[in-house]
Amino acid sequence: MHLTRLISYSESRGPMDRKTLQQILVSARDHNMRDEITGILCYSEKYYLQVLEGARELLSRTFQRIAANETHQNLVIVSCMPTDERAFPNWWMAYVNDADSVAELSIKYSGSSDFRPDLMTANSLLLFAK
């Protein structure tokens, strides 16, 4: 297996209610468990950030499914590279939405108190997600 890490972000089409978000997370975890993909989702009202890790072919199919989701737009692949180890080995799909932590980390990695993945490098996005 070629372990690959894909880092991407996209713009939210608008605020998402808790029920819709939970449905997305349950579906992602089910698919990811089946395909042995691990990762994390960070969501703000404006952006999504995802870091996914797994076998290249399965990761590609997962990304195609994500790209087809209508809750977001302007999907950007920041990095898709082989990796020797998983950054999120214990998470089929972790989730982060702690506003205080996000603001603090955003300042650290992008210089903005707003969550702006478009201002961060691939390495900064990975460190942010960890």
N, C-alpha and C. Protein backbone atom coordinates (compact mmCIF):
# COMPACT_ATOMS: atom_id res chain seq x y z
N MET A 1 0.84 -1.18 0.00
CA MET A 1 0.00 0.00 0.00
C MET A 1 0.88 1.25 0.00
N HIS A 2 0.54 2.19 -0.82
CA HIS A 2 1.21 3.49 -0.84
C HIS A 2 0.41 4.43 0.05
N LEU A 3 0.92 4.68 1.25
CA LEU A 3 0.23 5.58 2.17
C LEU A 3 0.39 7.01 1.68
N THR A 4 -0.72 7.70 1.52
CA THR A 4 -0.75 9.04 0.97
C THR A 4 -1.50 9.97 1.92
N ARG A 5 -1.05 11.21 2.00
CA ARG A 5 -1.75 12.24 2.79
C ARG A 5 -2.24 13.32 1.84
N LEU A 6 -3.52 13.62 1.93
CA LEU A 6 -4.13 14.66 1.11
C LEU A 6 -4.64 15.77 2.03
N ILE A 7 -4.24 16.98 1.75
CA ILE A 7 -4.68 18.15 2.51
C ILE A 7 -5.45 19.04 1.55
N SER A 8 -6.67 19.38 1.94
CA SER A 8 -7.50 20.23 1.09
C SER A 8 -8.35 21.16 1.94
N TYR A 9 -8.82 22.21 1.30
CA TYR A 9 -9.80 23.07 1.95
C TYR A 9 -10.81 23.52 0.91
N SER A 10 -11.94 23.98 1.40
CA SER A 10 -12.98 24.49 0.51
C SER A 10 -13.78 25.55 1.24
N GLU A 11 -14.57 26.28 0.48
CA GLU A 11 -15.42 27.31 1.06
C GLU A 11 -16.80 26.72 1.35
N SER A 12 -17.32 27.03 2.49
CA SER A 12 -18.66 26.61 2.86
C SER A 12 -19.69 27.39 2.05
N ARG A 13 -20.76 26.74 1.65
CA ARG A 13 -21.85 27.43 0.95
C ARG A 13 -22.76 28.18 1.93
N GLY A 14 -22.47 28.03 3.22
CA GLY A 14 -23.27 28.71 4.24
C GLY A 14 -23.23 27.92 5.53
N PRO A 15 -23.75 28.50 6.59
CA PRO A 15 -23.74 27.79 7.88
C PRO A 15 -24.47 26.45 7.77
N MET A 16 -23.97 25.48 8.50
CA MET A 16 -24.54 24.15 8.48
C MET A 16 -25.14 23.86 9.86
N ASP A 17 -26.33 23.29 9.87
CA ASP A 17 -26.92 22.94 11.16
C ASP A 17 -26.25 21.69 11.73
N ARG A 18 -26.41 21.51 13.01
CA ARG A 18 -25.74 20.42 13.72
C ARG A 18 -26.14 19.05 13.16
N LYS A 19 -27.40 18.88 12.80
CA LYS A 19 -27.87 17.59 12.28
C LYS A 19 -27.17 17.24 10.97
N THR A 20 -27.07 18.18 10.06
CA THR A 20 -26.39 17.94 8.78
C THR A 20 -24.92 17.61 9.00
N LEU A 21 -24.28 18.35 9.89
CA LEU A 21 -22.87 18.09 10.20
C LEU A 21 -22.69 16.68 10.77
N GLN A 22 -23.56 16.28 11.68
CA GLN A 22 -23.48 14.93 12.26
C GLN A 22 -23.66 13.87 11.18
N GLN A 23 -24.58 14.10 10.24
CA GLN A 23 -24.78 13.14 9.15
C GLN A 23 -23.53 13.01 8.29
N ILE A 24 -22.88 14.13 8.00
CA ILE A 24 -21.64 14.11 7.22
C ILE A 24 -20.56 13.32 7.96
N LEU A 25 -20.42 13.57 9.26
CA LEU A 25 -19.39 12.88 10.05
C LEU A 25 -19.65 11.39 10.15
N VAL A 26 -20.90 10.99 10.37
CA VAL A 26 -21.24 9.56 10.46
C VAL A 26 -20.94 8.88 9.13
N SER A 27 -21.36 9.50 8.03
CA SER A 27 -21.11 8.93 6.72
C SER A 27 -19.61 8.83 6.44
N ALA A 28 -18.87 9.89 6.73
CA ALA A 28 -17.42 9.90 6.52
C ALA A 28 -16.74 8.80 7.33
N ARG A 29 -17.13 8.67 8.58
CA ARG A 29 -16.52 7.64 9.45
C ARG A 29 -16.81 6.25 8.94
N ASP A 30 -18.03 6.01 8.48
CA ASP A 30 -18.38 4.69 7.94
C ASP A 30 -17.54 4.37 6.70
N HIS A 31 -17.50 5.31 5.75
CA HIS A 31 -16.70 5.09 4.54
C HIS A 31 -15.22 4.94 4.88
N ASN A 32 -14.72 5.80 5.75
CA ASN A 32 -13.29 5.79 6.07
C ASN A 32 -12.89 4.51 6.80
N MET A 33 -13.75 4.02 7.70
CA MET A 33 -13.44 2.78 8.40
C MET A 33 -13.36 1.63 7.39
N ARG A 34 -14.31 1.58 6.48
CA ARG A 34 -14.32 0.53 5.46
C ARG A 34 -13.04 0.59 4.61
N ASP A 35 -12.61 1.81 4.25
CA ASP A 35 -11.48 1.99 3.34
C ASP A 35 -10.14 2.22 4.06
N GLU A 36 -10.16 2.14 5.39
CA GLU A 36 -8.95 2.35 6.20
C GLU A 36 -8.32 3.71 5.95
N ILE A 37 -9.17 4.72 5.88
CA ILE A 37 -8.72 6.11 5.72
C ILE A 37 -8.89 6.81 7.05
N THR A 38 -7.86 7.52 7.46
CA THR A 38 -7.94 8.29 8.69
C THR A 38 -7.82 9.77 8.36
N GLY A 39 -8.21 10.62 9.32
CA GLY A 39 -8.08 12.04 9.05
C GLY A 39 -8.85 12.91 10.02
N ILE A 40 -8.98 14.16 9.62
CA ILE A 40 -9.62 15.16 10.46
C ILE A 40 -10.36 16.17 9.59
N LEU A 41 -11.46 16.66 10.11
CA LEU A 41 -12.24 17.71 9.47
C LEU A 41 -12.29 18.89 10.42
N CYS A 42 -11.92 20.06 9.94
CA CYS A 42 -12.07 21.31 10.69
C CYS A 42 -13.11 22.13 9.92
N TYR A 43 -14.07 22.67 10.63
CA TYR A 43 -15.14 23.43 9.98
C TYR A 43 -15.35 24.75 10.69
N SER A 44 -15.46 25.79 9.89
CA SER A 44 -15.92 27.08 10.39
C SER A 44 -17.09 27.46 9.50
N GLU A 45 -17.74 28.53 9.76
CA GLU A 45 -18.87 28.90 8.92
C GLU A 45 -18.43 29.24 7.50
N LYS A 46 -17.15 29.54 7.32
CA LYS A 46 -16.68 29.93 5.99
C LYS A 46 -15.86 28.84 5.27
N TYR A 47 -15.10 28.05 6.01
CA TYR A 47 -14.18 27.08 5.39
C TYR A 47 -14.28 25.69 6.00
N TYR A 48 -13.93 24.72 5.17
CA TYR A 48 -13.66 23.36 5.61
C TYR A 48 -12.18 23.11 5.37
N LEU A 49 -11.55 22.38 6.27
CA LEU A 49 -10.19 21.88 6.08
C LEU A 49 -10.24 20.39 6.33
N GLN A 50 -9.65 19.62 5.42
CA GLN A 50 -9.58 18.18 5.62
C GLN A 50 -8.17 17.70 5.40
N VAL A 51 -7.75 16.81 6.28
CA VAL A 51 -6.52 16.05 6.10
C VAL A 51 -6.94 14.59 6.09
N LEU A 52 -6.64 13.90 5.01
CA LEU A 52 -7.00 12.49 4.87
C LEU A 52 -5.75 11.67 4.58
N GLU A 53 -5.73 10.46 5.11
CA GLU A 53 -4.57 9.58 4.93
C GLU A 53 -5.05 8.17 4.63
N GLY A 54 -4.43 7.54 3.65
CA GLY A 54 -4.79 6.17 3.31
C GLY A 54 -4.13 5.74 2.02
N ALA A 55 -4.61 4.60 1.52
CA ALA A 55 -4.10 4.07 0.26
C ALA A 55 -4.49 5.04 -0.87
N ARG A 56 -3.57 5.28 -1.76
CA ARG A 56 -3.75 6.29 -2.82
C ARG A 56 -5.05 6.11 -3.60
N GLU A 57 -5.34 4.91 -4.08
CA GLU A 57 -6.53 4.68 -4.89
C GLU A 57 -7.81 4.93 -4.09
N LEU A 58 -7.86 4.44 -2.87
CA LEU A 58 -9.05 4.64 -2.03
C LEU A 58 -9.19 6.10 -1.62
N LEU A 59 -8.08 6.75 -1.39
CA LEU A 59 -8.09 8.17 -1.06
C LEU A 59 -8.63 9.00 -2.23
N SER A 60 -8.27 8.61 -3.43
CA SER A 60 -8.75 9.29 -4.63
C SER A 60 -10.27 9.15 -4.75
N ARG A 61 -10.80 7.96 -4.51
CA ARG A 61 -12.25 7.76 -4.56
C ARG A 61 -12.96 8.56 -3.48
N THR A 62 -12.36 8.60 -2.31
CA THR A 62 -12.94 9.37 -1.20
C THR A 62 -12.98 10.85 -1.56
N PHE A 63 -11.90 11.34 -2.13
CA PHE A 63 -11.85 12.75 -2.49
C PHE A 63 -12.89 13.08 -3.56
N GLN A 64 -13.10 12.18 -4.50
CA GLN A 64 -14.13 12.42 -5.53
C GLN A 64 -15.51 12.52 -4.90
N ARG A 65 -15.77 11.69 -3.89
CA ARG A 65 -17.05 11.74 -3.18
C ARG A 65 -17.19 13.08 -2.44
N ILE A 66 -16.11 13.52 -1.80
CA ILE A 66 -16.12 14.79 -1.08
C ILE A 66 -16.37 15.94 -2.05
N ALA A 67 -15.70 15.91 -3.19
CA ALA A 67 -15.83 16.99 -4.18
C ALA A 67 -17.25 17.12 -4.68
N ALA A 68 -18.00 16.02 -4.70
CA ALA A 68 -19.38 16.05 -5.20
C ALA A 68 -20.37 16.57 -4.16
N ASN A 69 -19.93 16.72 -2.92
CA ASN A 69 -20.83 17.19 -1.86
C ASN A 69 -21.18 18.65 -2.08
N GLU A 70 -22.45 18.97 -1.99
CA GLU A 70 -22.92 20.33 -2.31
C GLU A 70 -22.87 21.30 -1.13
N THR A 71 -22.32 20.90 0.00
CA THR A 71 -22.24 21.82 1.14
C THR A 71 -21.07 22.78 1.02
N HIS A 72 -20.21 22.55 0.01
CA HIS A 72 -19.04 23.42 -0.15
C HIS A 72 -18.76 23.68 -1.62
N GLN A 73 -17.83 24.61 -1.85
CA GLN A 73 -17.45 25.00 -3.21
C GLN A 73 -15.99 25.41 -3.23
N ASN A 74 -15.45 25.60 -4.40
CA ASN A 74 -14.07 26.06 -4.58
C ASN A 74 -13.07 25.20 -3.81
N LEU A 75 -13.13 23.92 -4.05
CA LEU A 75 -12.26 22.95 -3.41
C LEU A 75 -10.83 23.11 -3.91
N VAL A 76 -9.87 23.17 -2.99
CA VAL A 76 -8.46 23.35 -3.32
C VAL A 76 -7.65 22.22 -2.71
N ILE A 77 -6.88 21.53 -3.53
CA ILE A 77 -5.92 20.54 -3.02
C ILE A 77 -4.64 21.29 -2.73
N VAL A 78 -4.24 21.29 -1.47
CA VAL A 78 -3.02 21.99 -1.06
C VAL A 78 -1.82 21.06 -1.21
N SER A 79 -2.04 19.79 -0.88
CA SER A 79 -0.94 18.84 -0.94
C SER A 79 -1.52 17.43 -1.07
N CYS A 80 -0.84 16.60 -1.85
CA CYS A 80 -1.16 15.18 -1.95
C CYS A 80 0.16 14.47 -2.14
N MET A 81 0.68 13.92 -1.05
CA MET A 81 2.04 13.39 -1.05
C MET A 81 2.10 12.05 -0.33
N PRO A 82 3.03 11.20 -0.75
CA PRO A 82 3.27 9.97 0.02
C PRO A 82 3.76 10.33 1.43
N THR A 83 3.44 9.49 2.38
CA THR A 83 3.91 9.70 3.74
C THR A 83 4.28 8.35 4.34
N ASP A 84 5.22 8.36 5.27
CA ASP A 84 5.66 7.12 5.90
C ASP A 84 4.75 6.70 7.05
N GLU A 85 4.09 7.68 7.66
CA GLU A 85 3.22 7.34 8.79
C GLU A 85 2.02 8.28 8.85
N ARG A 86 0.99 7.81 9.51
CA ARG A 86 -0.24 8.59 9.64
C ARG A 86 -0.09 9.62 10.76
N ALA A 87 -0.62 10.81 10.52
CA ALA A 87 -0.68 11.83 11.56
C ALA A 87 -1.89 11.61 12.46
N PHE A 88 -2.91 10.90 11.96
CA PHE A 88 -4.15 10.67 12.69
C PHE A 88 -4.49 9.17 12.69
N PRO A 89 -3.62 8.34 13.26
CA PRO A 89 -3.80 6.89 13.14
C PRO A 89 -5.04 6.35 13.87
N ASN A 90 -5.56 7.07 14.82
CA ASN A 90 -6.67 6.57 15.63
C ASN A 90 -8.02 7.21 15.30
N TRP A 91 -8.08 7.97 14.22
CA TRP A 91 -9.31 8.71 13.90
C TRP A 91 -9.79 8.39 12.50
N TRP A 92 -10.97 7.75 12.39
CA TRP A 92 -11.56 7.55 11.07
C TRP A 92 -11.97 8.90 10.50
N MET A 93 -12.40 9.81 11.38
CA MET A 93 -12.65 11.19 10.98
C MET A 93 -12.83 12.00 12.26
N ALA A 94 -11.73 12.61 12.70
CA ALA A 94 -11.81 13.50 13.86
C ALA A 94 -12.49 14.79 13.42
N TYR A 95 -12.97 15.55 14.39
CA TYR A 95 -13.66 16.79 14.06
C TYR A 95 -13.24 17.88 15.03
N VAL A 96 -12.96 19.08 14.49
CA VAL A 96 -12.56 20.22 15.31
C VAL A 96 -13.46 21.41 14.97
N ASN A 97 -14.04 22.00 16.02
CA ASN A 97 -14.82 23.22 15.82
C ASN A 97 -14.83 24.04 17.11
N ASP A 98 -13.76 24.04 17.85
CA ASP A 98 -13.64 24.82 19.07
C ASP A 98 -13.20 26.23 18.68
N ALA A 99 -14.11 27.17 18.75
CA ALA A 99 -13.84 28.53 18.25
C ALA A 99 -12.61 29.16 18.89
N ASP A 100 -12.43 29.00 20.20
CA ASP A 100 -11.27 29.61 20.87
C ASP A 100 -9.96 28.99 20.39
N SER A 101 -9.92 27.67 20.29
CA SER A 101 -8.71 26.99 19.81
C SER A 101 -8.42 27.34 18.36
N VAL A 102 -9.47 27.39 17.54
CA VAL A 102 -9.30 27.70 16.12
C VAL A 102 -8.73 29.11 15.96
N ALA A 103 -9.25 30.07 16.71
CA ALA A 103 -8.74 31.45 16.60
C ALA A 103 -7.28 31.52 17.02
N GLU A 104 -6.93 30.86 18.12
CA GLU A 104 -5.55 30.87 18.60
C GLU A 104 -4.60 30.24 17.60
N LEU A 105 -5.00 29.09 17.05
CA LEU A 105 -4.15 28.41 16.06
C LEU A 105 -4.09 29.17 14.75
N SER A 106 -5.19 29.81 14.38
CA SER A 106 -5.20 30.60 13.15
C SER A 106 -4.18 31.74 13.22
N ILE A 107 -4.14 32.41 14.35
CA ILE A 107 -3.15 33.48 14.53
C ILE A 107 -1.74 32.91 14.40
N LYS A 108 -1.53 31.78 15.04
CA LYS A 108 -0.19 31.16 15.03
C LYS A 108 0.26 30.76 13.62
N TYR A 109 -0.65 30.17 12.83
CA TYR A 109 -0.25 29.60 11.54
C TYR A 109 -0.57 30.46 10.32
N SER A 110 -1.45 31.48 10.47
CA SER A 110 -1.77 32.29 9.29
C SER A 110 -1.63 33.79 9.55
N GLY A 111 -1.51 34.18 10.81
CA GLY A 111 -1.43 35.60 11.13
C GLY A 111 -2.78 36.27 11.23
N SER A 112 -3.86 35.50 11.03
CA SER A 112 -5.21 36.04 11.09
C SER A 112 -5.99 35.33 12.20
N SER A 113 -6.82 36.06 12.94
CA SER A 113 -7.62 35.41 13.97
C SER A 113 -8.81 34.65 13.35
N ASP A 114 -9.12 34.97 12.10
CA ASP A 114 -10.14 34.21 11.38
C ASP A 114 -9.52 32.94 10.82
N PHE A 115 -10.29 31.88 10.75
CA PHE A 115 -9.82 30.63 10.17
C PHE A 115 -9.68 30.83 8.67
N ARG A 116 -8.43 30.91 8.18
CA ARG A 116 -8.15 31.20 6.78
C ARG A 116 -7.15 30.17 6.22
N PRO A 117 -7.62 28.99 5.87
CA PRO A 117 -6.70 27.99 5.33
C PRO A 117 -6.03 28.44 4.04
N ASP A 118 -6.64 29.39 3.34
CA ASP A 118 -6.04 29.89 2.10
C ASP A 118 -4.77 30.69 2.35
N LEU A 119 -4.52 31.07 3.60
CA LEU A 119 -3.29 31.81 3.95
C LEU A 119 -2.20 30.91 4.53
N MET A 120 -2.46 29.59 4.61
CA MET A 120 -1.52 28.68 5.25
C MET A 120 -0.87 27.75 4.23
N THR A 121 0.35 27.34 4.55
CA THR A 121 1.05 26.34 3.74
C THR A 121 0.53 24.95 4.10
N ALA A 122 0.89 23.97 3.31
CA ALA A 122 0.49 22.60 3.60
C ALA A 122 0.99 22.17 4.97
N ASN A 123 2.24 22.50 5.29
CA ASN A 123 2.79 22.13 6.60
C ASN A 123 2.05 22.83 7.73
N SER A 124 1.74 24.12 7.55
CA SER A 124 1.00 24.85 8.57
C SER A 124 -0.40 24.27 8.75
N LEU A 125 -1.04 23.87 7.66
CA LEU A 125 -2.38 23.26 7.77
C LEU A 125 -2.33 21.93 8.52
N LEU A 126 -1.29 21.15 8.27
CA LEU A 126 -1.15 19.87 8.98
C LEU A 126 -0.92 20.11 10.47
N LEU A 127 -0.03 21.06 10.80
CA LEU A 127 0.21 21.38 12.21
C LEU A 127 -1.04 21.96 12.87
N PHE A 128 -1.76 22.79 12.15
CA PHE A 128 -3.01 23.35 12.65
C PHE A 128 -4.00 22.22 13.00
N ALA A 129 -4.13 21.25 12.10
CA ALA A 129 -5.08 20.15 12.28
C ALA A 129 -4.69 19.22 13.44
N LYS A 130 -3.39 19.09 13.68
CA LYS A 130 -2.95 18.21 14.76
C LYS A 130 -3.30 18.80 16.10
